[in-house]
Amino acid sequence: MKAILYLPLIMILMSLNLSGQYAIDAAGSYVKNGAYSAAYSVGEVSTLTIRGVQSTYASTSGVIQPDPLSITGTKNPGITTIRIYPNPVNDFLRLETDRTDLIQYVIYSMQGNLLAQGTVKGMSVQLDHLIPGIYLIKFSLVDAHESQSFLISKL
């Protein structure tokens, strides 16, 4: 008789779609391939499932907290500083820098069109061929992966 009473209860429980913990997380992700799957979320429990040829292993670890971000504000000594003047400019844009390497320049319009390019000579760039407007000029060291960009106003 007791088995008959428990049978409907068991059937109802089996028909329910049971799931584990649920949380609305600030961040997280899910990674899956043929051998494992891993899910994590910031501030929640993480799980890892590893499927082998003959068995499956599951691991649940503790709370994942993001590391605090610390910005030291130190300046990279390898970066070259280029200063330009005058801005707004009439005919010649002058440069000041501590480097004596060859410096290349590229000038773009505000629509992104390439207007001029060349090598800086005598620490100045001739701009008398440009009509009045706003331009982007990018300076690059020839043998380095350093560049600086400026918005200039041509009078």
N, C-alpha and C. Protein backbone atom coordinates (compact mmCIF):
# COMPACT_ATOMS: atom_id res chain seq x y z
N MET A 1 0.81 -1.19 0.00
CA MET A 1 0.00 0.00 0.00
C MET A 1 0.86 1.26 0.00
N LYS A 2 1.95 1.24 0.81
CA LYS A 2 2.83 2.40 0.85
C LYS A 2 3.49 2.61 -0.50
N ALA A 3 3.84 1.54 -1.18
CA ALA A 3 4.46 1.66 -2.49
C ALA A 3 3.52 2.32 -3.49
N ILE A 4 2.25 2.04 -3.38
CA ILE A 4 1.27 2.65 -4.29
C ILE A 4 1.16 4.15 -4.02
N LEU A 5 1.28 4.57 -2.75
CA LEU A 5 1.21 6.00 -2.42
C LEU A 5 2.46 6.75 -2.88
N TYR A 6 3.60 6.11 -2.77
CA TYR A 6 4.85 6.77 -3.17
C TYR A 6 5.03 6.80 -4.69
N LEU A 7 4.42 5.87 -5.38
CA LEU A 7 4.58 5.80 -6.83
C LEU A 7 4.12 7.08 -7.53
N PRO A 8 2.93 7.66 -7.24
CA PRO A 8 2.56 8.93 -7.89
C PRO A 8 3.51 10.08 -7.54
N LEU A 9 3.99 10.10 -6.30
CA LEU A 9 4.93 11.14 -5.89
C LEU A 9 6.23 11.03 -6.67
N ILE A 10 6.72 9.83 -6.83
CA ILE A 10 7.95 9.60 -7.59
C ILE A 10 7.76 9.99 -9.05
N MET A 11 6.61 9.67 -9.62
CA MET A 11 6.33 10.01 -11.02
C MET A 11 6.28 11.54 -11.21
N ILE A 12 5.69 12.23 -10.25
CA ILE A 12 5.62 13.70 -10.35
C ILE A 12 7.01 14.30 -10.25
N LEU A 13 7.83 13.83 -9.33
CA LEU A 13 9.19 14.35 -9.18
C LEU A 13 10.04 14.07 -10.42
N MET A 14 9.86 12.91 -11.04
CA MET A 14 10.63 12.57 -12.23
C MET A 14 10.23 13.43 -13.43
N SER A 15 8.99 13.87 -13.45
CA SER A 15 8.53 14.67 -14.59
C SER A 15 8.95 16.14 -14.48
N LEU A 16 9.36 16.58 -13.31
CA LEU A 16 9.80 17.96 -13.14
C LEU A 16 11.17 18.17 -13.77
N ASN A 17 11.36 19.32 -14.32
CA ASN A 17 12.66 19.68 -14.88
C ASN A 17 13.47 20.33 -13.77
N LEU A 18 14.25 19.55 -13.08
CA LEU A 18 15.03 20.05 -11.95
C LEU A 18 16.34 20.63 -12.47
N SER A 19 16.76 21.72 -11.87
CA SER A 19 18.03 22.33 -12.25
C SER A 19 18.75 22.76 -10.99
N GLY A 20 20.04 23.03 -11.16
CA GLY A 20 20.87 23.42 -10.02
C GLY A 20 20.70 24.88 -9.68
N GLN A 21 21.76 25.44 -9.15
CA GLN A 21 21.72 26.83 -8.72
C GLN A 21 21.53 27.77 -9.91
N TYR A 22 20.92 28.90 -9.64
CA TYR A 22 20.69 29.89 -10.68
C TYR A 22 21.03 31.26 -10.10
N ALA A 23 21.74 32.06 -10.88
CA ALA A 23 22.10 33.40 -10.43
C ALA A 23 22.21 34.32 -11.63
N ILE A 24 21.92 35.58 -11.41
CA ILE A 24 22.16 36.60 -12.43
C ILE A 24 23.52 37.20 -12.11
N ASP A 25 24.48 36.98 -13.00
CA ASP A 25 25.86 37.34 -12.73
C ASP A 25 26.26 38.62 -13.44
N ALA A 26 27.27 39.28 -12.87
CA ALA A 26 27.82 40.48 -13.49
C ALA A 26 28.67 40.12 -14.70
N ALA A 27 29.36 38.99 -14.64
CA ALA A 27 30.23 38.56 -15.74
C ALA A 27 30.44 37.07 -15.64
N GLY A 28 30.90 36.47 -16.72
CA GLY A 28 31.18 35.05 -16.74
C GLY A 28 31.15 34.52 -18.15
N SER A 29 31.42 33.22 -18.29
CA SER A 29 31.45 32.62 -19.61
C SER A 29 31.34 31.11 -19.50
N TYR A 30 31.31 30.46 -20.64
CA TYR A 30 31.20 29.01 -20.73
C TYR A 30 32.12 28.55 -21.85
N VAL A 31 32.95 27.54 -21.57
CA VAL A 31 33.87 27.00 -22.56
C VAL A 31 33.61 25.51 -22.68
N LYS A 32 33.56 24.99 -23.91
CA LYS A 32 33.27 23.58 -24.12
C LYS A 32 34.02 23.07 -25.33
N ASN A 33 34.59 21.88 -25.20
CA ASN A 33 35.12 21.16 -26.35
C ASN A 33 34.86 19.68 -26.14
N GLY A 34 35.46 18.81 -26.92
CA GLY A 34 35.17 17.38 -26.83
C GLY A 34 35.60 16.74 -25.53
N ALA A 35 36.60 17.28 -24.85
CA ALA A 35 37.13 16.64 -23.65
C ALA A 35 36.63 17.27 -22.35
N TYR A 36 36.27 18.54 -22.36
CA TYR A 36 35.86 19.17 -21.11
C TYR A 36 34.89 20.31 -21.37
N SER A 37 34.24 20.73 -20.32
CA SER A 37 33.43 21.95 -20.35
C SER A 37 33.65 22.67 -19.04
N ALA A 38 33.71 23.99 -19.10
CA ALA A 38 33.93 24.78 -17.90
C ALA A 38 33.02 25.99 -17.95
N ALA A 39 32.38 26.27 -16.83
CA ALA A 39 31.53 27.45 -16.70
C ALA A 39 32.01 28.23 -15.49
N TYR A 40 32.05 29.53 -15.62
CA TYR A 40 32.43 30.36 -14.48
C TYR A 40 31.65 31.66 -14.51
N SER A 41 31.54 32.24 -13.35
CA SER A 41 30.90 33.54 -13.24
C SER A 41 31.55 34.30 -12.09
N VAL A 42 31.57 35.59 -12.20
CA VAL A 42 32.19 36.41 -11.17
C VAL A 42 31.32 36.37 -9.92
N GLY A 43 31.90 35.95 -8.83
CA GLY A 43 31.19 35.93 -7.56
C GLY A 43 30.35 34.69 -7.31
N GLU A 44 30.40 33.70 -8.18
CA GLU A 44 29.62 32.48 -8.01
C GLU A 44 30.53 31.27 -8.06
N VAL A 45 29.97 30.11 -7.84
CA VAL A 45 30.71 28.85 -7.84
C VAL A 45 31.00 28.45 -9.28
N SER A 46 32.20 27.93 -9.54
CA SER A 46 32.55 27.47 -10.88
C SER A 46 32.54 25.95 -10.92
N THR A 47 32.25 25.40 -12.09
CA THR A 47 32.24 23.95 -12.25
C THR A 47 33.09 23.57 -13.44
N LEU A 48 33.66 22.38 -13.39
CA LEU A 48 34.48 21.86 -14.46
C LEU A 48 34.12 20.40 -14.65
N THR A 49 33.83 19.99 -15.87
CA THR A 49 33.50 18.61 -16.17
C THR A 49 34.51 18.08 -17.16
N ILE A 50 35.16 16.97 -16.82
CA ILE A 50 36.14 16.35 -17.70
C ILE A 50 35.63 14.97 -18.07
N ARG A 51 35.49 14.74 -19.37
CA ARG A 51 35.00 13.45 -19.84
C ARG A 51 36.17 12.67 -20.40
N GLY A 52 36.43 11.54 -19.82
CA GLY A 52 37.46 10.66 -20.32
C GLY A 52 36.84 9.57 -21.18
N VAL A 53 37.65 8.63 -21.61
CA VAL A 53 37.16 7.53 -22.43
C VAL A 53 36.23 6.64 -21.63
N GLN A 54 36.57 6.37 -20.36
CA GLN A 54 35.79 5.44 -19.56
C GLN A 54 35.02 6.09 -18.42
N SER A 55 35.29 7.35 -18.11
CA SER A 55 34.61 7.95 -16.97
C SER A 55 34.50 9.47 -17.14
N THR A 56 33.66 10.05 -16.30
CA THR A 56 33.44 11.49 -16.29
C THR A 56 33.74 12.02 -14.90
N TYR A 57 34.48 13.12 -14.82
CA TYR A 57 34.83 13.73 -13.55
C TYR A 57 34.24 15.13 -13.49
N ALA A 58 33.72 15.49 -12.35
CA ALA A 58 33.18 16.83 -12.14
C ALA A 58 33.87 17.46 -10.95
N SER A 59 34.16 18.74 -11.07
CA SER A 59 34.82 19.47 -10.00
C SER A 59 34.09 20.79 -9.79
N THR A 60 33.83 21.11 -8.55
CA THR A 60 33.22 22.39 -8.21
C THR A 60 34.18 23.12 -7.29
N SER A 61 34.54 24.33 -7.66
CA SER A 61 35.48 25.08 -6.84
C SER A 61 34.79 26.29 -6.25
N GLY A 62 35.54 27.04 -5.48
CA GLY A 62 34.97 28.14 -4.71
C GLY A 62 34.61 29.36 -5.53
N VAL A 63 34.49 30.45 -4.85
CA VAL A 63 34.04 31.70 -5.44
C VAL A 63 35.19 32.34 -6.22
N ILE A 64 34.88 32.82 -7.41
CA ILE A 64 35.87 33.51 -8.23
C ILE A 64 35.67 35.01 -8.04
N GLN A 65 36.71 35.68 -7.63
CA GLN A 65 36.64 37.12 -7.45
C GLN A 65 37.61 37.78 -8.42
N PRO A 66 37.23 38.89 -9.01
CA PRO A 66 38.16 39.58 -9.91
C PRO A 66 39.31 40.19 -9.12
N ASP A 67 40.49 40.19 -9.73
CA ASP A 67 41.64 40.83 -9.10
C ASP A 67 41.49 42.35 -9.20
N PRO A 68 41.86 43.06 -8.15
CA PRO A 68 41.78 44.52 -8.24
C PRO A 68 42.80 45.03 -9.25
N LEU A 69 42.44 46.05 -9.99
CA LEU A 69 43.30 46.62 -11.00
C LEU A 69 44.11 47.75 -10.38
N SER A 70 45.41 47.66 -10.51
CA SER A 70 46.29 48.71 -9.99
C SER A 70 47.04 49.35 -11.14
N ILE A 71 46.92 50.64 -11.28
CA ILE A 71 47.65 51.37 -12.31
C ILE A 71 48.73 52.17 -11.60
N THR A 72 49.96 51.91 -11.98
CA THR A 72 51.07 52.56 -11.29
C THR A 72 51.36 53.95 -11.83
N GLY A 73 51.04 54.19 -13.09
CA GLY A 73 51.27 55.51 -13.66
C GLY A 73 52.71 55.76 -14.06
N THR A 74 53.53 54.72 -14.13
CA THR A 74 54.90 54.92 -14.56
C THR A 74 54.94 55.14 -16.06
N LYS A 75 55.84 55.96 -16.49
CA LYS A 75 55.96 56.29 -17.90
C LYS A 75 57.00 55.36 -18.53
N ASN A 76 56.67 54.83 -19.71
CA ASN A 76 57.61 53.98 -20.43
C ASN A 76 58.74 54.85 -20.96
N PRO A 77 59.99 54.61 -20.53
CA PRO A 77 61.08 55.48 -20.95
C PRO A 77 61.42 55.34 -22.44
N GLY A 78 60.94 54.28 -23.11
CA GLY A 78 61.25 54.09 -24.51
C GLY A 78 60.38 54.91 -25.45
N ILE A 79 59.29 55.47 -24.96
CA ILE A 79 58.39 56.23 -25.81
C ILE A 79 58.95 57.63 -26.03
N THR A 80 58.99 58.03 -27.28
CA THR A 80 59.49 59.34 -27.65
C THR A 80 58.37 60.37 -27.58
N THR A 81 58.68 61.52 -27.05
CA THR A 81 57.71 62.61 -27.01
C THR A 81 58.00 63.56 -28.15
N ILE A 82 56.97 63.83 -28.93
CA ILE A 82 57.07 64.80 -30.02
C ILE A 82 56.12 65.95 -29.69
N ARG A 83 56.62 67.17 -29.76
CA ARG A 83 55.79 68.35 -29.55
C ARG A 83 55.74 69.11 -30.87
N ILE A 84 54.57 69.67 -31.16
CA ILE A 84 54.40 70.43 -32.40
C ILE A 84 53.96 71.85 -32.07
N TYR A 85 54.34 72.79 -32.93
CA TYR A 85 53.91 74.18 -32.80
C TYR A 85 54.11 74.87 -34.14
N PRO A 86 53.44 75.91 -34.49
CA PRO A 86 52.24 76.43 -33.85
C PRO A 86 51.03 75.61 -34.28
N ASN A 87 50.01 75.67 -33.50
CA ASN A 87 48.74 75.02 -33.85
C ASN A 87 47.63 75.93 -33.36
N PRO A 88 46.95 76.64 -34.22
CA PRO A 88 46.81 76.53 -35.67
C PRO A 88 48.09 76.93 -36.41
N VAL A 89 48.24 76.37 -37.61
CA VAL A 89 49.46 76.53 -38.40
C VAL A 89 49.14 77.23 -39.71
N ASN A 90 50.11 78.01 -40.21
CA ASN A 90 49.96 78.64 -41.53
C ASN A 90 50.63 77.79 -42.60
N ASP A 91 51.96 77.87 -42.69
CA ASP A 91 52.68 77.17 -43.76
C ASP A 91 53.60 76.07 -43.27
N PHE A 92 54.25 76.27 -42.11
CA PHE A 92 55.20 75.28 -41.61
C PHE A 92 54.82 74.85 -40.20
N LEU A 93 54.79 73.54 -39.98
CA LEU A 93 54.58 72.97 -38.66
C LEU A 93 55.94 72.55 -38.12
N ARG A 94 56.30 73.05 -36.97
CA ARG A 94 57.61 72.75 -36.38
C ARG A 94 57.49 71.65 -35.33
N LEU A 95 58.56 70.87 -35.20
CA LEU A 95 58.60 69.75 -34.25
C LEU A 95 59.71 69.97 -33.25
N GLU A 96 59.48 69.46 -32.04
CA GLU A 96 60.51 69.36 -31.01
C GLU A 96 60.50 67.92 -30.52
N THR A 97 61.67 67.29 -30.49
CA THR A 97 61.79 65.93 -29.99
C THR A 97 63.22 65.69 -29.54
N ASP A 98 63.41 64.70 -28.70
CA ASP A 98 64.75 64.36 -28.23
C ASP A 98 65.42 63.33 -29.13
N ARG A 99 64.74 62.86 -30.16
CA ARG A 99 65.29 61.85 -31.07
C ARG A 99 65.83 62.53 -32.32
N THR A 100 66.91 61.97 -32.84
CA THR A 100 67.49 62.49 -34.08
C THR A 100 67.27 61.53 -35.24
N ASP A 101 66.53 60.44 -35.01
CA ASP A 101 66.24 59.47 -36.07
C ASP A 101 65.38 60.11 -37.15
N LEU A 102 65.24 59.40 -38.25
CA LEU A 102 64.33 59.85 -39.30
C LEU A 102 62.90 59.70 -38.81
N ILE A 103 62.14 60.75 -39.00
CA ILE A 103 60.73 60.75 -38.59
C ILE A 103 59.88 60.90 -39.84
N GLN A 104 58.96 59.97 -40.03
CA GLN A 104 58.04 60.04 -41.16
C GLN A 104 56.73 60.64 -40.70
N TYR A 105 56.01 61.26 -41.63
CA TYR A 105 54.70 61.82 -41.31
C TYR A 105 53.69 61.39 -42.36
N VAL A 106 52.44 61.32 -41.93
CA VAL A 106 51.31 61.03 -42.81
C VAL A 106 50.21 62.01 -42.43
N ILE A 107 49.58 62.64 -43.41
CA ILE A 107 48.51 63.61 -43.16
C ILE A 107 47.22 63.06 -43.75
N TYR A 108 46.17 63.05 -42.91
CA TYR A 108 44.85 62.58 -43.33
C TYR A 108 43.83 63.71 -43.19
N SER A 109 42.84 63.70 -44.08
CA SER A 109 41.70 64.61 -43.92
C SER A 109 40.80 64.06 -42.83
N MET A 110 39.81 64.83 -42.42
CA MET A 110 38.88 64.36 -41.40
C MET A 110 37.96 63.27 -41.93
N GLN A 111 37.93 63.06 -43.25
CA GLN A 111 37.17 61.97 -43.84
C GLN A 111 38.01 60.70 -43.96
N GLY A 112 39.29 60.76 -43.57
CA GLY A 112 40.17 59.60 -43.59
C GLY A 112 40.96 59.44 -44.88
N ASN A 113 40.92 60.43 -45.76
CA ASN A 113 41.67 60.37 -47.02
C ASN A 113 43.13 60.72 -46.77
N LEU A 114 44.05 59.94 -47.36
CA LEU A 114 45.47 60.22 -47.28
C LEU A 114 45.78 61.41 -48.18
N LEU A 115 46.32 62.48 -47.61
CA LEU A 115 46.60 63.69 -48.38
C LEU A 115 48.07 63.87 -48.68
N ALA A 116 48.94 63.51 -47.75
CA ALA A 116 50.38 63.70 -47.95
C ALA A 116 51.14 62.77 -47.02
N GLN A 117 52.35 62.45 -47.44
CA GLN A 117 53.25 61.68 -46.58
C GLN A 117 54.68 62.01 -46.98
N GLY A 118 55.60 61.82 -46.05
CA GLY A 118 56.98 62.12 -46.34
C GLY A 118 57.85 61.97 -45.11
N THR A 119 59.06 62.48 -45.20
CA THR A 119 60.02 62.45 -44.11
C THR A 119 60.25 63.87 -43.62
N VAL A 120 60.29 64.04 -42.31
CA VAL A 120 60.50 65.35 -41.71
C VAL A 120 61.92 65.81 -42.03
N LYS A 121 62.05 67.04 -42.54
CA LYS A 121 63.36 67.61 -42.86
C LYS A 121 63.51 68.91 -42.08
N GLY A 122 64.61 69.03 -41.35
CA GLY A 122 64.87 70.26 -40.60
C GLY A 122 63.87 70.50 -39.49
N MET A 123 63.30 69.46 -38.94
CA MET A 123 62.34 69.51 -37.84
C MET A 123 61.13 70.38 -38.17
N SER A 124 60.70 70.36 -39.45
CA SER A 124 59.48 71.06 -39.83
C SER A 124 58.81 70.33 -40.99
N VAL A 125 57.51 70.55 -41.12
CA VAL A 125 56.72 69.96 -42.21
C VAL A 125 56.03 71.11 -42.93
N GLN A 126 56.18 71.14 -44.25
CA GLN A 126 55.57 72.19 -45.06
C GLN A 126 54.11 71.83 -45.32
N LEU A 127 53.20 72.77 -44.99
CA LEU A 127 51.77 72.54 -45.13
C LEU A 127 51.08 73.57 -46.01
N ASP A 128 51.85 74.34 -46.79
CA ASP A 128 51.23 75.39 -47.59
C ASP A 128 50.36 74.85 -48.72
N HIS A 129 50.47 73.58 -49.04
CA HIS A 129 49.66 72.98 -50.11
C HIS A 129 48.25 72.59 -49.63
N LEU A 130 48.02 72.65 -48.32
CA LEU A 130 46.71 72.27 -47.77
C LEU A 130 45.79 73.49 -47.69
N ILE A 131 44.51 73.26 -47.96
CA ILE A 131 43.52 74.32 -47.80
C ILE A 131 43.18 74.45 -46.32
N PRO A 132 42.65 75.58 -45.86
CA PRO A 132 42.29 75.72 -44.45
C PRO A 132 41.31 74.64 -44.01
N GLY A 133 41.56 74.07 -42.83
CA GLY A 133 40.72 73.01 -42.30
C GLY A 133 41.39 72.29 -41.15
N ILE A 134 40.78 71.20 -40.72
CA ILE A 134 41.30 70.37 -39.63
C ILE A 134 41.87 69.09 -40.24
N TYR A 135 43.06 68.69 -39.80
CA TYR A 135 43.74 67.52 -40.34
C TYR A 135 44.30 66.67 -39.21
N LEU A 136 44.51 65.40 -39.50
CA LEU A 136 45.19 64.49 -38.58
C LEU A 136 46.58 64.24 -39.15
N ILE A 137 47.60 64.49 -38.34
CA ILE A 137 48.97 64.22 -38.77
C ILE A 137 49.57 63.20 -37.82
N LYS A 138 50.19 62.17 -38.39
CA LYS A 138 50.77 61.08 -37.60
C LYS A 138 52.27 61.05 -37.88
N PHE A 139 53.06 61.11 -36.80
CA PHE A 139 54.51 61.03 -36.90
C PHE A 139 54.96 59.65 -36.42
N SER A 140 55.90 59.02 -37.16
CA SER A 140 56.41 57.70 -36.81
C SER A 140 57.92 57.70 -36.93
N LEU A 141 58.58 57.02 -35.99
CA LEU A 141 60.02 56.82 -36.11
C LEU A 141 60.26 55.71 -37.11
N VAL A 142 61.24 55.89 -37.99
CA VAL A 142 61.46 54.95 -39.09
C VAL A 142 61.81 53.56 -38.59
N ASP A 143 62.69 53.43 -37.61
CA ASP A 143 63.15 52.12 -37.16
C ASP A 143 62.54 51.68 -35.83
N ALA A 144 61.40 52.23 -35.47
CA ALA A 144 60.76 51.86 -34.20
C ALA A 144 59.27 51.70 -34.42
N HIS A 145 58.64 51.09 -33.47
CA HIS A 145 57.18 50.90 -33.53
C HIS A 145 56.50 51.96 -32.66
N GLU A 146 56.93 53.18 -32.80
CA GLU A 146 56.37 54.28 -32.03
C GLU A 146 55.74 55.29 -32.98
N SER A 147 54.61 55.83 -32.57
CA SER A 147 53.99 56.88 -33.37
C SER A 147 53.18 57.78 -32.46
N GLN A 148 52.98 59.00 -32.91
CA GLN A 148 52.13 59.96 -32.21
C GLN A 148 51.29 60.67 -33.24
N SER A 149 50.03 60.91 -32.89
CA SER A 149 49.10 61.59 -33.79
C SER A 149 48.62 62.89 -33.17
N PHE A 150 48.36 63.87 -34.02
CA PHE A 150 47.88 65.17 -33.58
C PHE A 150 46.79 65.65 -34.52
N LEU A 151 45.84 66.38 -33.98
CA LEU A 151 44.89 67.13 -34.79
C LEU A 151 45.44 68.53 -34.95
N ILE A 152 45.55 68.98 -36.19
CA ILE A 152 46.06 70.32 -36.44
C ILE A 152 45.01 71.13 -37.19
N SER A 153 45.06 72.42 -36.98
CA SER A 153 44.16 73.35 -37.67
C SER A 153 45.00 74.19 -38.62
N LYS A 154 44.70 74.09 -39.91
CA LYS A 154 45.41 74.86 -40.94
C LYS A 154 44.64 76.13 -41.22
N LEU A 155 45.32 77.28 -41.10
CA LEU A 155 44.69 78.58 -41.37
C LEU A 155 44.82 78.95 -42.84
